[in-house]
Every structure is written in structure tokens, then in C-alpha cells.
N, C-alpha and C. Protein backbone atom coordinates (compact mmCIF):
# COMPACT_ATOMS: atom_id res chain seq x y z
N MET A 1 122.28 102.25 97.20
CA MET A 1 121.64 102.32 98.48
C MET A 1 120.15 102.57 98.26
N SER A 2 119.33 101.84 98.93
CA SER A 2 117.88 102.01 98.84
C SER A 2 117.37 102.64 100.12
N ILE A 3 116.59 103.68 99.97
CA ILE A 3 116.07 104.43 101.11
C ILE A 3 114.55 104.35 101.12
N VAL A 4 114.02 104.03 102.28
CA VAL A 4 112.57 104.10 102.50
C VAL A 4 112.41 104.97 103.74
N LEU A 5 111.48 105.92 103.67
CA LEU A 5 111.27 106.83 104.79
C LEU A 5 109.81 106.81 105.19
N ASP A 6 109.58 106.65 106.48
CA ASP A 6 108.23 106.71 107.03
C ASP A 6 108.18 107.82 108.06
N THR A 7 107.21 108.70 107.92
CA THR A 7 106.96 109.72 108.92
C THR A 7 105.49 109.62 109.32
N ALA A 8 105.10 110.43 110.28
CA ALA A 8 103.70 110.44 110.69
C ALA A 8 102.80 110.92 109.56
N GLU A 9 103.37 111.76 108.68
CA GLU A 9 102.58 112.34 107.60
C GLU A 9 102.56 111.52 106.32
N ARG A 10 103.62 110.75 106.10
CA ARG A 10 103.73 110.11 104.78
C ARG A 10 104.72 108.95 104.78
N HIS A 11 104.57 108.08 103.79
CA HIS A 11 105.51 106.99 103.52
C HIS A 11 106.11 107.23 102.14
N TRP A 12 107.44 107.17 102.04
CA TRP A 12 108.12 107.30 100.75
C TRP A 12 108.68 105.94 100.39
N SER A 13 108.36 105.46 99.20
CA SER A 13 108.91 104.19 98.72
C SER A 13 110.36 104.41 98.31
N MET A 14 111.05 103.34 97.97
CA MET A 14 112.44 103.46 97.51
C MET A 14 112.51 104.36 96.28
N THR A 15 111.60 104.16 95.34
CA THR A 15 111.59 104.95 94.11
C THR A 15 111.32 106.42 94.42
N GLU A 16 110.35 106.69 95.27
CA GLU A 16 110.03 108.07 95.64
C GLU A 16 111.19 108.72 96.39
N SER A 17 111.86 107.95 97.24
CA SER A 17 113.01 108.46 97.98
C SER A 17 114.14 108.84 97.03
N GLU A 18 114.46 107.94 96.12
CA GLU A 18 115.53 108.21 95.15
C GLU A 18 115.19 109.42 94.30
N THR A 19 113.94 109.54 93.89
CA THR A 19 113.51 110.70 93.09
C THR A 19 113.70 111.98 93.89
N ALA A 20 113.29 111.99 95.15
CA ALA A 20 113.43 113.17 95.99
C ALA A 20 114.89 113.54 96.19
N ILE A 21 115.74 112.55 96.42
CA ILE A 21 117.17 112.81 96.61
C ILE A 21 117.78 113.36 95.33
N ASN A 22 117.47 112.75 94.19
CA ASN A 22 118.02 113.22 92.92
C ASN A 22 117.56 114.64 92.59
N GLU A 23 116.29 114.95 92.89
CA GLU A 23 115.80 116.32 92.67
C GLU A 23 116.56 117.30 93.56
N ARG A 24 116.80 116.91 94.81
CA ARG A 24 117.53 117.79 95.72
C ARG A 24 118.99 117.94 95.27
N MET A 25 119.60 116.87 94.76
CA MET A 25 120.96 116.97 94.24
C MET A 25 121.03 117.97 93.09
N THR A 26 120.07 117.90 92.17
CA THR A 26 120.02 118.82 91.04
C THR A 26 119.89 120.25 91.54
N SER A 27 119.04 120.46 92.53
CA SER A 27 118.85 121.79 93.11
C SER A 27 120.15 122.30 93.74
N LEU A 28 120.81 121.45 94.52
CA LEU A 28 122.06 121.85 95.16
C LEU A 28 123.13 122.15 94.12
N GLN A 29 123.24 121.31 93.10
CA GLN A 29 124.22 121.55 92.05
C GLN A 29 123.95 122.86 91.34
N SER A 30 122.69 123.19 91.10
CA SER A 30 122.35 124.44 90.42
C SER A 30 122.70 125.66 91.29
N GLN A 31 122.87 125.43 92.58
CA GLN A 31 123.27 126.49 93.50
C GLN A 31 124.78 126.52 93.70
N GLY A 32 125.50 125.68 92.94
CA GLY A 32 126.95 125.69 92.98
C GLY A 32 127.58 124.75 93.99
N VAL A 33 126.80 123.85 94.57
CA VAL A 33 127.34 122.91 95.56
C VAL A 33 128.17 121.86 94.83
N ILE A 34 129.41 121.71 95.28
CA ILE A 34 130.34 120.71 94.75
C ILE A 34 131.00 119.99 95.92
N ARG A 35 131.84 119.01 95.58
CA ARG A 35 132.57 118.27 96.61
C ARG A 35 133.31 119.28 97.50
N GLY A 36 133.12 119.15 98.81
CA GLY A 36 133.78 120.02 99.78
C GLY A 36 132.97 121.25 100.16
N SER A 37 131.88 121.52 99.46
CA SER A 37 131.01 122.64 99.84
C SER A 37 130.38 122.35 101.20
N VAL A 38 130.01 123.40 101.89
CA VAL A 38 129.26 123.26 103.14
C VAL A 38 127.81 123.60 102.85
N VAL A 39 126.92 122.67 103.15
CA VAL A 39 125.49 122.88 102.94
C VAL A 39 124.86 123.08 104.32
N SER A 40 124.47 124.32 104.59
CA SER A 40 123.89 124.68 105.88
C SER A 40 122.37 124.63 105.77
N VAL A 41 121.77 123.85 106.65
CA VAL A 41 120.32 123.63 106.60
C VAL A 41 119.76 123.69 108.02
N PRO A 42 118.63 124.41 108.20
CA PRO A 42 118.00 124.37 109.52
C PRO A 42 117.68 122.92 109.90
N ALA A 43 118.07 122.54 111.09
CA ALA A 43 117.95 121.15 111.53
C ALA A 43 116.56 120.85 112.04
N GLU A 44 115.61 120.88 111.14
CA GLU A 44 114.25 120.50 111.49
C GLU A 44 114.07 119.03 111.13
N LEU A 45 113.28 118.34 111.88
CA LEU A 45 113.07 116.92 111.65
C LEU A 45 111.99 116.73 110.58
N THR A 46 112.41 116.89 109.32
CA THR A 46 111.48 116.75 108.21
C THR A 46 112.09 115.87 107.14
N ALA A 47 111.26 115.39 106.24
CA ALA A 47 111.76 114.61 105.12
C ALA A 47 112.69 115.46 104.26
N ASP A 48 112.38 116.75 104.09
CA ASP A 48 113.24 117.62 103.29
C ASP A 48 114.66 117.67 103.84
N THR A 49 114.79 117.68 105.16
CA THR A 49 116.12 117.67 105.76
C THR A 49 116.85 116.37 105.43
N VAL A 50 116.14 115.26 105.48
CA VAL A 50 116.73 113.96 105.15
C VAL A 50 117.20 113.96 103.70
N TRP A 51 116.34 114.43 102.78
CA TRP A 51 116.71 114.44 101.36
C TRP A 51 117.92 115.35 101.11
N THR A 52 117.94 116.51 101.78
CA THR A 52 119.06 117.44 101.61
C THR A 52 120.35 116.83 102.15
N PHE A 53 120.28 116.19 103.32
CA PHE A 53 121.45 115.54 103.89
C PHE A 53 122.01 114.49 102.93
N LEU A 54 121.14 113.60 102.44
CA LEU A 54 121.59 112.53 101.56
C LEU A 54 122.11 113.07 100.24
N ALA A 55 121.47 114.11 99.71
CA ALA A 55 121.94 114.72 98.46
C ALA A 55 123.31 115.35 98.66
N ALA A 56 123.50 116.05 99.76
CA ALA A 56 124.80 116.69 100.04
C ALA A 56 125.90 115.63 100.16
N VAL A 57 125.61 114.56 100.88
CA VAL A 57 126.59 113.48 101.04
C VAL A 57 126.95 112.88 99.70
N ARG A 58 125.97 112.63 98.86
CA ARG A 58 126.23 112.05 97.54
C ARG A 58 127.06 112.98 96.66
N LEU A 59 126.92 114.29 96.88
CA LEU A 59 127.71 115.25 96.11
C LEU A 59 129.11 115.46 96.70
N GLY A 60 129.35 114.86 97.86
CA GLY A 60 130.64 115.02 98.51
C GLY A 60 130.74 116.29 99.32
N ALA A 61 129.60 116.93 99.56
CA ALA A 61 129.57 118.16 100.35
C ALA A 61 129.45 117.82 101.83
N VAL A 62 129.65 118.82 102.66
CA VAL A 62 129.53 118.67 104.11
C VAL A 62 128.17 119.22 104.52
N PHE A 63 127.40 118.43 105.24
CA PHE A 63 126.09 118.83 105.72
C PHE A 63 126.27 119.48 107.08
N MET A 64 125.82 120.73 107.24
CA MET A 64 125.96 121.44 108.50
C MET A 64 124.58 121.82 109.02
N PRO A 65 124.02 121.01 109.92
CA PRO A 65 122.72 121.37 110.48
C PRO A 65 122.85 122.60 111.37
N THR A 66 121.88 123.48 111.28
CA THR A 66 121.88 124.70 112.09
C THR A 66 120.55 124.81 112.82
N PRO A 67 120.53 125.58 113.88
CA PRO A 67 119.25 125.79 114.57
C PRO A 67 118.27 126.50 113.62
N PRO A 68 116.99 126.18 113.69
CA PRO A 68 116.02 126.86 112.82
C PRO A 68 116.04 128.38 112.96
N SER A 69 116.33 128.87 114.15
CA SER A 69 116.44 130.32 114.39
C SER A 69 117.80 130.60 115.04
N PRO A 70 118.86 130.68 114.21
CA PRO A 70 120.20 130.85 114.79
C PRO A 70 120.37 132.21 115.48
N THR A 71 121.22 132.21 116.52
CA THR A 71 121.58 133.47 117.16
C THR A 71 122.45 134.26 116.19
N SER A 72 122.72 135.51 116.49
CA SER A 72 123.56 136.32 115.61
C SER A 72 124.96 135.72 115.50
N HIS A 73 125.49 135.18 116.60
CA HIS A 73 126.81 134.54 116.57
C HIS A 73 126.79 133.30 115.68
N GLN A 74 125.76 132.47 115.83
CA GLN A 74 125.65 131.27 114.99
C GLN A 74 125.49 131.66 113.52
N GLN A 75 124.69 132.70 113.24
CA GLN A 75 124.50 133.14 111.86
C GLN A 75 125.82 133.62 111.26
N ALA A 76 126.63 134.31 112.04
CA ALA A 76 127.94 134.77 111.56
C ALA A 76 128.82 133.58 111.19
N MET A 77 128.78 132.52 112.00
CA MET A 77 129.57 131.31 111.70
C MET A 77 129.04 130.64 110.44
N ILE A 78 127.72 130.58 110.28
CA ILE A 78 127.12 130.00 109.08
C ILE A 78 127.55 130.78 107.86
N ASP A 79 127.45 132.11 107.93
CA ASP A 79 127.83 132.96 106.81
C ASP A 79 129.30 132.79 106.45
N GLN A 80 130.15 132.62 107.46
CA GLN A 80 131.58 132.44 107.22
C GLN A 80 131.84 131.16 106.43
N HIS A 81 131.13 130.10 106.73
CA HIS A 81 131.33 128.81 106.05
C HIS A 81 130.72 128.78 104.66
N GLN A 82 129.78 129.66 104.40
CA GLN A 82 129.14 129.68 103.08
C GLN A 82 129.85 130.62 102.12
N SER A 83 130.82 131.36 102.60
CA SER A 83 131.55 132.29 101.74
C SER A 83 132.59 131.57 100.90
């Protein structure tokens, strides 16, 4: 799969996109993310969120977007899924 991303701030070529995704995959793996893990990420509209989503999917993990400032109830649910 070839990914090209354009935002108001920057353009990522296919090569740059793949590099960013692979770097994020390495980071997630070093944190113990494996197939079936839940990767909880604040759902901000940024390139980092895109790279994390694609890296999690490639690792077979579940991407769980969360509000940037979760309520205490939402944080408890996030913590439960990360245990």
C-alpha cells in the first residue's frame, strides 16, 4: 500500500509516509504492542495520528481514538483496555 499525505503544514511523499509508519511501528512494538493490543491515542487531526493508526493496523492491533482531554469516566475505560 502506498500512502501520500497532504496537510496544510506539509506534504509527505510515499517514501516519507512509509518511513514514518515504520518508525511508529517500531515504537509501538518497543512498547509491547502486538496483534490484538489496544492502542489508545488522542483523536487529534494530525499526521502523527494517521501514522499511529496505520502502524497499529499493520501490527494487527486495535486503534482506539480517545478525546484529547478525556473525562474521568472515559479515562477509566481507557485504562481498563490498556491493562
